[in-house]
Amino acid sequence: MIEIEMTAALTPEVTAILARHGCQVLETRLLFPEGTQRKQVFPRTYDERHLLTLPDGYVCMVQYLRLSGQCILFYTPEPEQA
């Protein structure tokens, strides 16, 4: 299971999107479901970047900031439902 330590709370929109795809959003951690695949993004930069593909096909990216030790989560918004 892939786990990310968070330093700031996620917005309700992001929390809802991730929950729909099987992620668990805890107070200071984000847990991705079993079967999530992590792939390093090339070319490499000073900070590590990984694409995370969840078992249902949803893709997001995490960037690990070396100097601060923080992570940035880049997510894909879902289309508005009518």
PDB file of N, CA and C in Angstrom:
ATOM      1  N   MET A   1       0.852  -1.181   0.000  1.00  0.00           N
ATOM      2  CA  MET A   1       0.000   0.000   0.000  1.00  0.00           C
ATOM      3  C   MET A   1       0.895   1.240   0.000  1.00  0.00           C
ATOM      4  N   ILE A   2       0.567   2.191  -0.842  1.00  0.00           N
ATOM      5  CA  ILE A   2       1.331   3.435  -0.927  1.00  0.00           C
ATOM      6  C   ILE A   2       0.721   4.447   0.039  1.00  0.00           C
ATOM      7  N   GLU A   3       1.581   5.089   0.815  1.00  0.00           N
ATOM      8  CA  GLU A   3       1.141   6.054   1.819  1.00  0.00           C
ATOM      9  C   GLU A   3       1.921   7.349   1.646  1.00  0.00           C
ATOM     10  N   ILE A   4       1.224   8.475   1.744  1.00  0.00           N
ATOM     11  CA  ILE A   4       1.851   9.789   1.620  1.00  0.00           C
ATOM     12  C   ILE A   4       1.551  10.583   2.885  1.00  0.00           C
ATOM     13  N   GLU A   5       2.601  11.151   3.474  1.00  0.00           N
ATOM     14  CA  GLU A   5       2.426  12.040   4.622  1.00  0.00           C
ATOM     15  C   GLU A   5       2.026  13.417   4.106  1.00  0.00           C
ATOM     16  N   MET A   6       0.999  13.998   4.708  1.00  0.00           N
ATOM     17  CA  MET A   6       0.518  15.309   4.272  1.00  0.00           C
ATOM     18  C   MET A   6       0.838  16.358   5.330  1.00  0.00           C
ATOM     19  N   THR A   7       1.162  17.557   4.876  1.00  0.00           N
ATOM     20  CA  THR A   7       1.409  18.659   5.801  1.00  0.00           C
ATOM     21  C   THR A   7       0.256  19.658   5.798  1.00  0.00           C
ATOM     22  N   ALA A   8      -0.659  19.525   4.853  1.00  0.00           N
ATOM     23  CA  ALA A   8      -1.830  20.401   4.784  1.00  0.00           C
ATOM     24  C   ALA A   8      -3.045  19.552   4.431  1.00  0.00           C
ATOM     25  N   ALA A   9      -4.197  19.997   4.882  1.00  0.00           N
ATOM     26  CA  ALA A   9      -5.426  19.265   4.598  1.00  0.00           C
ATOM     27  C   ALA A   9      -5.796  19.399   3.121  1.00  0.00           C
ATOM     28  N   LEU A  10      -6.417  18.357   2.597  1.00  0.00           N
ATOM     29  CA  LEU A  10      -6.909  18.400   1.222  1.00  0.00           C
ATOM     30  C   LEU A  10      -8.255  19.110   1.196  1.00  0.00           C
ATOM     31  N   THR A  11      -8.578  19.711   0.069  1.00  0.00           N
ATOM     32  CA  THR A  11      -9.885  20.356  -0.068  1.00  0.00           C
ATOM     33  C   THR A  11     -10.965  19.282  -0.103  1.00  0.00           C
ATOM     34  N   PRO A  12     -12.206  19.638   0.231  1.00  0.00           N
ATOM     35  CA  PRO A  12     -13.290  18.655   0.173  1.00  0.00           C
ATOM     36  C   PRO A  12     -13.448  18.039  -1.221  1.00  0.00           C
ATOM     37  N   GLU A  13     -13.234  18.832  -2.282  1.00  0.00           N
ATOM     38  CA  GLU A  13     -13.350  18.315  -3.650  1.00  0.00           C
ATOM     39  C   GLU A  13     -12.335  17.201  -3.898  1.00  0.00           C
ATOM     40  N   VAL A  14     -11.086  17.442  -3.530  1.00  0.00           N
ATOM     41  CA  VAL A  14     -10.030  16.452  -3.746  1.00  0.00           C
ATOM     42  C   VAL A  14     -10.280  15.220  -2.880  1.00  0.00           C
ATOM     43  N   THR A  15     -10.674  15.431  -1.631  1.00  0.00           N
ATOM     44  CA  THR A  15     -10.970  14.312  -0.740  1.00  0.00           C
ATOM     45  C   THR A  15     -12.066  13.434  -1.323  1.00  0.00           C
ATOM     46  N   ALA A  16     -13.127  14.045  -1.858  1.00  0.00           N
ATOM     47  CA  ALA A  16     -14.236  13.281  -2.437  1.00  0.00           C
ATOM     48  C   ALA A  16     -13.791  12.501  -3.669  1.00  0.00           C
ATOM     49  N   ILE A  17     -12.998  13.125  -4.531  1.00  0.00           N
ATOM     50  CA  ILE A  17     -12.517  12.445  -5.743  1.00  0.00           C
ATOM     51  C   ILE A  17     -11.671  11.238  -5.360  1.00  0.00           C
ATOM     52  N   LEU A  18     -10.722  11.434  -4.460  1.00  0.00           N
ATOM     53  CA  LEU A  18      -9.843  10.334  -4.063  1.00  0.00           C
ATOM     54  C   LEU A  18     -10.617   9.216  -3.370  1.00  0.00           C
ATOM     55  N   ALA A  19     -11.593   9.574  -2.540  1.00  0.00           N
ATOM     56  CA  ALA A  19     -12.408   8.560  -1.858  1.00  0.00           C
ATOM     57  C   ALA A  19     -13.195   7.725  -2.867  1.00  0.00           C
ATOM     58  N   ARG A  20     -13.701   8.361  -3.928  1.00  0.00           N
ATOM     59  CA  ARG A  20     -14.437   7.609  -4.959  1.00  0.00           C
ATOM     60  C   ARG A  20     -13.547   6.587  -5.660  1.00  0.00           C
ATOM     61  N   HIS A  21     -12.250   6.821  -5.629  1.00  0.00           N
ATOM     62  CA  HIS A  21     -11.315   5.909  -6.292  1.00  0.00           C
ATOM     63  C   HIS A  21     -10.633   4.961  -5.306  1.00  0.00           C
ATOM     64  N   GLY A  22     -11.140   4.900  -4.083  1.00  0.00           N
ATOM     65  CA  GLY A  22     -10.660   3.913  -3.122  1.00  0.00           C
ATOM     66  C   GLY A  22      -9.566   4.370  -2.182  1.00  0.00           C
ATOM     67  N   CYS A  23      -9.228   5.654  -2.197  1.00  0.00           N
ATOM     68  CA  CYS A  23      -8.187   6.162  -1.296  1.00  0.00           C
ATOM     69  C   CYS A  23      -8.790   6.460   0.073  1.00  0.00           C
ATOM     70  N   GLN A  24      -7.957   6.373   1.094  1.00  0.00           N
ATOM     71  CA  GLN A  24      -8.361   6.746   2.445  1.00  0.00           C
ATOM     72  C   GLN A  24      -7.625   8.027   2.816  1.00  0.00           C
ATOM     73  N   VAL A  25      -8.394   9.048   3.167  1.00  0.00           N
ATOM     74  CA  VAL A  25      -7.800  10.321   3.568  1.00  0.00           C
ATOM     75  C   VAL A  25      -7.908  10.411   5.083  1.00  0.00           C
ATOM     76  N   LEU A  26      -6.766  10.300   5.742  1.00  0.00           N
ATOM     77  CA  LEU A  26      -6.714  10.412   7.192  1.00  0.00           C
ATOM     78  C   LEU A  26      -6.208  11.803   7.547  1.00  0.00           C
ATOM     79  N   GLU A  27      -6.107  12.096   8.814  1.00  0.00           N
ATOM     80  CA  GLU A  27      -5.743  13.451   9.240  1.00  0.00           C
ATOM     81  C   GLU A  27      -4.413  13.921   8.649  1.00  0.00           C
ATOM     82  N   THR A  28      -3.390  13.093   8.719  1.00  0.00           N
ATOM     83  CA  THR A  28      -2.072  13.502   8.223  1.00  0.00           C
ATOM     84  C   THR A  28      -1.517  12.561   7.164  1.00  0.00           C
ATOM     85  N   ARG A  29      -2.335  11.611   6.701  1.00  0.00           N
ATOM     86  CA  ARG A  29      -1.849  10.630   5.728  1.00  0.00           C
ATOM     87  C   ARG A  29      -2.879  10.401   4.629  1.00  0.00           C
ATOM     88  N   LEU A  30      -2.364  10.040   3.479  1.00  0.00           N
ATOM     89  CA  LEU A  30      -3.196   9.660   2.343  1.00  0.00           C
ATOM     90  C   LEU A  30      -2.788   8.250   1.957  1.00  0.00           C
ATOM     91  N   LEU A  31      -3.742   7.315   2.017  1.00  0.00           N
ATOM     92  CA  LEU A  31      -3.473   5.911   1.722  1.00  0.00           C
ATOM     93  C   LEU A  31      -4.112   5.546   0.390  1.00  0.00           C
ATOM     94  N   PHE A  32      -3.311   5.016  -0.513  1.00  0.00           N
ATOM     95  CA  PHE A  32      -3.810   4.577  -1.814  1.00  0.00           C
ATOM     96  C   PHE A  32      -4.143   3.094  -1.731  1.00  0.00           C
ATOM     97  N   PRO A  33      -5.151   2.632  -2.479  1.00  0.00           N
ATOM     98  CA  PRO A  33      -5.585   1.235  -2.365  1.00  0.00           C
ATOM     99  C   PRO A  33      -4.532   0.245  -2.861  1.00  0.00           C
ATOM    100  N   GLU A  34      -4.664  -1.000  -2.376  1.00  0.00           N
ATOM    101  CA  GLU A  34      -3.802  -2.083  -2.849  1.00  0.00           C
ATOM    102  C   GLU A  34      -3.919  -2.171  -4.361  1.00  0.00           C
ATOM    103  N   GLY A  35      -2.812  -2.415  -5.019  1.00  0.00           N
ATOM    104  CA  GLY A  35      -2.810  -2.512  -6.471  1.00  0.00           C
ATOM    105  C   GLY A  35      -2.447  -1.217  -7.168  1.00  0.00           C
ATOM    106  N   THR A  36      -2.283  -0.127  -6.397  1.00  0.00           N
ATOM    107  CA  THR A  36      -1.845   1.140  -6.988  1.00  0.00           C
ATOM    108  C   THR A  36      -0.403   0.982  -7.456  1.00  0.00           C
ATOM    109  N   GLN A  37      -0.135   1.452  -8.661  1.00  0.00           N
ATOM    110  CA  GLN A  37       1.208   1.334  -9.228  1.00  0.00           C
ATOM    111  C   GLN A  37       1.883   2.701  -9.245  1.00  0.00           C
ATOM    112  N   ARG A  38       3.170   2.709  -8.892  1.00  0.00           N
ATOM    113  CA  ARG A  38       3.966   3.939  -8.865  1.00  0.00           C
ATOM    114  C   ARG A  38       5.019   3.848  -9.968  1.00  0.00           C
ATOM    115  N   LYS A  39       5.120   4.907 -10.781  1.00  0.00           N
ATOM    116  CA  LYS A  39       6.096   4.931 -11.868  1.00  0.00           C
ATOM    117  C   LYS A  39       6.812   6.276 -11.840  1.00  0.00           C
ATOM    118  N   GLN A  40       8.142   6.240 -11.813  1.00  0.00           N
ATOM    119  CA  GLN A  40       8.912   7.488 -11.769  1.00  0.00           C
ATOM    120  C   GLN A  40       8.794   8.226 -13.095  1.00  0.00           C
ATOM    121  N   VAL A  41       8.656   9.558 -13.012  1.00  0.00           N
ATOM    122  CA  VAL A  41       8.530  10.403 -14.198  1.00  0.00           C
ATOM    123  C   VAL A  41       9.927  10.852 -14.622  1.00  0.00           C
ATOM    124  N   PHE A  42      10.230  10.665 -15.887  1.00  0.00           N
ATOM    125  CA  PHE A  42      11.508  11.096 -16.457  1.00  0.00           C
ATOM    126  C   PHE A  42      11.250  12.226 -17.438  1.00  0.00           C
ATOM    127  N   PRO A  43      12.129  13.158 -17.699  1.00  0.00           N
ATOM    128  CA  PRO A  43      13.475  13.189 -17.140  1.00  0.00           C
ATOM    129  C   PRO A  43      13.434  13.573 -15.669  1.00  0.00           C
ATOM    130  N   ARG A  44      14.420  13.103 -14.934  1.00  0.00           N
ATOM    131  CA  ARG A  44      14.498  13.392 -13.509  1.00  0.00           C
ATOM    132  C   ARG A  44      14.815  14.865 -13.293  1.00  0.00           C
ATOM    133  N   THR A  45      14.255  15.395 -12.251  1.00  0.00           N
ATOM    134  CA  THR A  45      14.570  16.757 -11.822  1.00  0.00           C
ATOM    135  C   THR A  45      15.159  16.659 -10.419  1.00  0.00           C
ATOM    136  N   TYR A  46      15.424  17.789  -9.805  1.00  0.00           N
ATOM    137  CA  TYR A  46      15.954  17.758  -8.437  1.00  0.00           C
ATOM    138  C   TYR A  46      14.974  17.063  -7.501  1.00  0.00           C
ATOM    139  N   ASP A  47      13.681  17.302  -7.705  1.00  0.00           N
ATOM    140  CA  ASP A  47      12.640  16.667  -6.896  1.00  0.00           C
ATOM    141  C   ASP A  47      12.126  15.426  -7.618  1.00  0.00           C
ATOM    142  N   GLU A  48      11.797  14.392  -6.855  1.00  0.00           N
ATOM    143  CA  GLU A  48      11.267  13.167  -7.449  1.00  0.00           C
ATOM    144  C   GLU A  48       9.800  13.351  -7.812  1.00  0.00           C
ATOM    145  N   ARG A  49       9.424  12.806  -8.962  1.00  0.00           N
ATOM    146  CA  ARG A  49       8.026  12.834  -9.403  1.00  0.00           C
ATOM    147  C   ARG A  49       7.608  11.411  -9.747  1.00  0.00           C
ATOM    148  N   HIS A  50       6.397  11.050  -9.312  1.00  0.00           N
ATOM    149  CA  HIS A  50       5.874   9.717  -9.597  1.00  0.00           C
ATOM    150  C   HIS A  50       4.431   9.813 -10.075  1.00  0.00           C
ATOM    151  N   LEU A  51       4.119   9.037 -11.112  1.00  0.00           N
ATOM    152  CA  LEU A  51       2.730   8.861 -11.528  1.00  0.00           C
ATOM    153  C   LEU A  51       2.165   7.703 -10.728  1.00  0.00           C
ATOM    154  N   LEU A  52       0.994   7.904 -10.160  1.00  0.00           N
ATOM    155  CA  LEU A  52       0.311   6.849  -9.425  1.00  0.00           C
ATOM    156  C   LEU A  52      -0.919   6.449 -10.223  1.00  0.00           C
ATOM    157  N   THR A  53      -0.998   5.180 -10.583  1.00  0.00           N
ATOM    158  CA  THR A  53      -2.155   4.656 -11.305  1.00  0.00           C
ATOM    159  C   THR A  53      -2.916   3.751 -10.352  1.00  0.00           C
ATOM    160  N   LEU A  54      -4.134   4.159 -10.017  1.00  0.00           N
ATOM    161  CA  LEU A  54      -4.952   3.385  -9.101  1.00  0.00           C
ATOM    162  C   LEU A  54      -5.557   2.189  -9.829  1.00  0.00           C
ATOM    163  N   PRO A  55      -6.002   1.181  -9.092  1.00  0.00           N
ATOM    164  CA  PRO A  55      -6.530  -0.028  -9.729  1.00  0.00           C
ATOM    165  C   PRO A  55      -7.680   0.227 -10.713  1.00  0.00           C
ATOM    166  N   ASP A  56      -8.453   1.300 -10.499  1.00  0.00           N
ATOM    167  CA  ASP A  56      -9.568   1.584 -11.412  1.00  0.00           C
ATOM    168  C   ASP A  56      -9.150   2.431 -12.613  1.00  0.00           C
ATOM    169  N   GLY A  57      -7.842   2.745 -12.728  1.00  0.00           N
ATOM    170  CA  GLY A  57      -7.337   3.491 -13.878  1.00  0.00           C
ATOM    171  C   GLY A  57      -7.143   4.975 -13.642  1.00  0.00           C
ATOM    172  N   TYR A  58      -7.619   5.502 -12.522  1.00  0.00           N
ATOM    173  CA  TYR A  58      -7.436   6.922 -12.211  1.00  0.00           C
ATOM    174  C   TYR A  58      -5.946   7.199 -12.008  1.00  0.00           C
ATOM    175  N   VAL A  59      -5.464   8.324 -12.545  1.00  0.00           N
ATOM    176  CA  VAL A  59      -4.039   8.657 -12.471  1.00  0.00           C
ATOM    177  C   VAL A  59      -3.857  10.013 -11.790  1.00  0.00           C
ATOM    178  N   CYS A  60      -2.885  10.082 -10.890  1.00  0.00           N
ATOM    179  CA  CYS A  60      -2.482  11.350 -10.293  1.00  0.00           C
ATOM    180  C   CYS A  60      -0.959  11.340 -10.187  1.00  0.00           C
ATOM    181  N   MET A  61      -0.387  12.474  -9.836  1.00  0.00           N
ATOM    182  CA  MET A  61       1.068  12.566  -9.742  1.00  0.00           C
ATOM    183  C   MET A  61       1.452  13.136  -8.384  1.00  0.00           C
ATOM    184  N   VAL A  62       2.552  12.640  -7.847  1.00  0.00           N
ATOM    185  CA  VAL A  62       3.083  13.142  -6.584  1.00  0.00           C
ATOM    186  C   VAL A  62       4.498  13.636  -6.833  1.00  0.00           C
ATOM    187  N   GLN A  63       4.796  14.819  -6.319  1.00  0.00           N
ATOM    188  CA  GLN A  63       6.146  15.365  -6.404  1.00  0.00           C
ATOM    189  C   GLN A  63       6.678  15.490  -4.979  1.00  0.00           C
ATOM    190  N   TYR A  64       7.839  14.893  -4.733  1.00  0.00           N
ATOM    191  CA  TYR A  64       8.480  14.937  -3.422  1.00  0.00           C
ATOM    192  C   TYR A  64       9.530  16.045  -3.434  1.00  0.00           C
ATOM    193  N   LEU A  65       9.336  17.053  -2.610  1.00  0.00           N
ATOM    194  CA  LEU A  65      10.256  18.190  -2.548  1.00  0.00           C
ATOM    195  C   LEU A  65      11.391  17.859  -1.581  1.00  0.00           C
ATOM    196  N   ARG A  66      12.583  17.698  -2.113  1.00  0.00           N
ATOM    197  CA  ARG A  66      13.722  17.260  -1.297  1.00  0.00           C
ATOM    198  C   ARG A  66      14.095  18.254  -0.201  1.00  0.00           C
ATOM    199  N   LEU A  67      14.105  19.535  -0.530  1.00  0.00           N
ATOM    200  CA  LEU A  67      14.559  20.524   0.454  1.00  0.00           C
ATOM    201  C   LEU A  67      13.619  20.647   1.646  1.00  0.00           C
ATOM    202  N   SER A  68      12.319  20.609   1.399  1.00  0.00           N
ATOM    203  CA  SER A  68      11.361  20.797   2.486  1.00  0.00           C
ATOM    204  C   SER A  68      10.828  19.483   3.039  1.00  0.00           C
ATOM    205  N   GLY A  69      10.992  18.386   2.291  1.00  0.00           N
ATOM    206  CA  GLY A  69      10.453  17.101   2.731  1.00  0.00           C
ATOM    207  C   GLY A  69       8.955  16.980   2.521  1.00  0.00           C
ATOM    208  N   GLN A  70       8.370  17.911   1.796  1.00  0.00           N
ATOM    209  CA  GLN A  70       6.930  17.893   1.565  1.00  0.00           C
ATOM    210  C   GLN A  70       6.589  17.218   0.244  1.00  0.00           C
ATOM    211  N   CYS A  71       5.305  16.902   0.093  1.00  0.00           N
ATOM    212  CA  CYS A  71       4.794  16.299  -1.144  1.00  0.00           C
ATOM    213  C   CYS A  71       3.727  17.203  -1.735  1.00  0.00           C
ATOM    214  N   ILE A  72       3.690  17.239  -3.049  1.00  0.00           N
ATOM    215  CA  ILE A  72       2.624  17.942  -3.760  1.00  0.00           C
ATOM    216  C   ILE A  72       1.848  16.890  -4.537  1.00  0.00           C
ATOM    217  N   LEU A  73       0.535  16.887  -4.368  1.00  0.00           N
ATOM    218  CA  LEU A  73      -0.327  15.952  -5.087  1.00  0.00           C
ATOM    219  C   LEU A  73      -0.983  16.690  -6.245  1.00  0.00           C
ATOM    220  N   PHE A  74      -0.778  16.197  -7.452  1.00  0.00           N
ATOM    221  CA  PHE A  74      -1.440  16.727  -8.642  1.00  0.00           C
ATOM    222  C   PHE A  74      -2.529  15.733  -9.006  1.00  0.00           C
ATOM    223  N   TYR A  75      -3.767  16.179  -8.991  1.00  0.00           N
ATOM    224  CA  TYR A  75      -4.877  15.268  -9.259  1.00  0.00           C
ATOM    225  C   TYR A  75      -5.593  15.682 -10.535  1.00  0.00           C
ATOM    226  N   THR A  76      -6.384  14.770 -11.068  1.00  0.00           N
ATOM    227  CA  THR A  76      -7.171  15.035 -12.267  1.00  0.00           C
ATOM    228  C   THR A  76      -8.611  15.306 -11.845  1.00  0.00           C
ATOM    229  N   PRO A  77      -9.129  16.511 -12.090  1.00  0.00           N
ATOM    230  CA  PRO A  77     -10.524  16.787 -11.750  1.00  0.00           C
ATOM    231  C   PRO A  77     -11.455  15.901 -12.574  1.00  0.00           C
ATOM    232  N   GLU A  78     -12.571  15.569 -11.998  1.00  0.00           N
ATOM    233  CA  GLU A  78     -13.555  14.773 -12.719  1.00  0.00           C
ATOM    234  C   GLU A  78     -14.584  15.705 -13.342  1.00  0.00           C
ATOM    235  N   PRO A  79     -15.157  15.306 -14.479  1.00  0.00           N
ATOM    236  CA  PRO A  79     -16.155  16.165 -15.129  1.00  0.00           C
ATOM    237  C   PRO A  79     -17.388  16.358 -14.247  1.00  0.00           C
ATOM    238  N   GLU A  80     -17.982  17.532 -14.373  1.00  0.00           N
ATOM    239  CA  GLU A  80     -19.215  17.824 -13.638  1.00  0.00           C
ATOM    240  C   GLU A  80     -20.311  16.869 -14.079  1.00  0.00           C
ATOM    241  N   GLN A  81     -21.090  16.379 -13.119  1.00  0.00           N
ATOM    242  CA  GLN A  81     -22.197  15.484 -13.456  1.00  0.00           C
ATOM    243  C   GLN A  81     -23.490  16.282 -13.428  1.00  0.00           C
ATOM    244  N   ALA A  82     -24.272  16.142 -14.479  1.00  0.00           N
ATOM    245  CA  ALA A  82     -25.515  16.916 -14.594  1.00  0.00           C
ATOM    246  C   ALA A  82     -26.636  16.309 -13.807  1.00  0.00           C
TER     247      ALA A  82
END
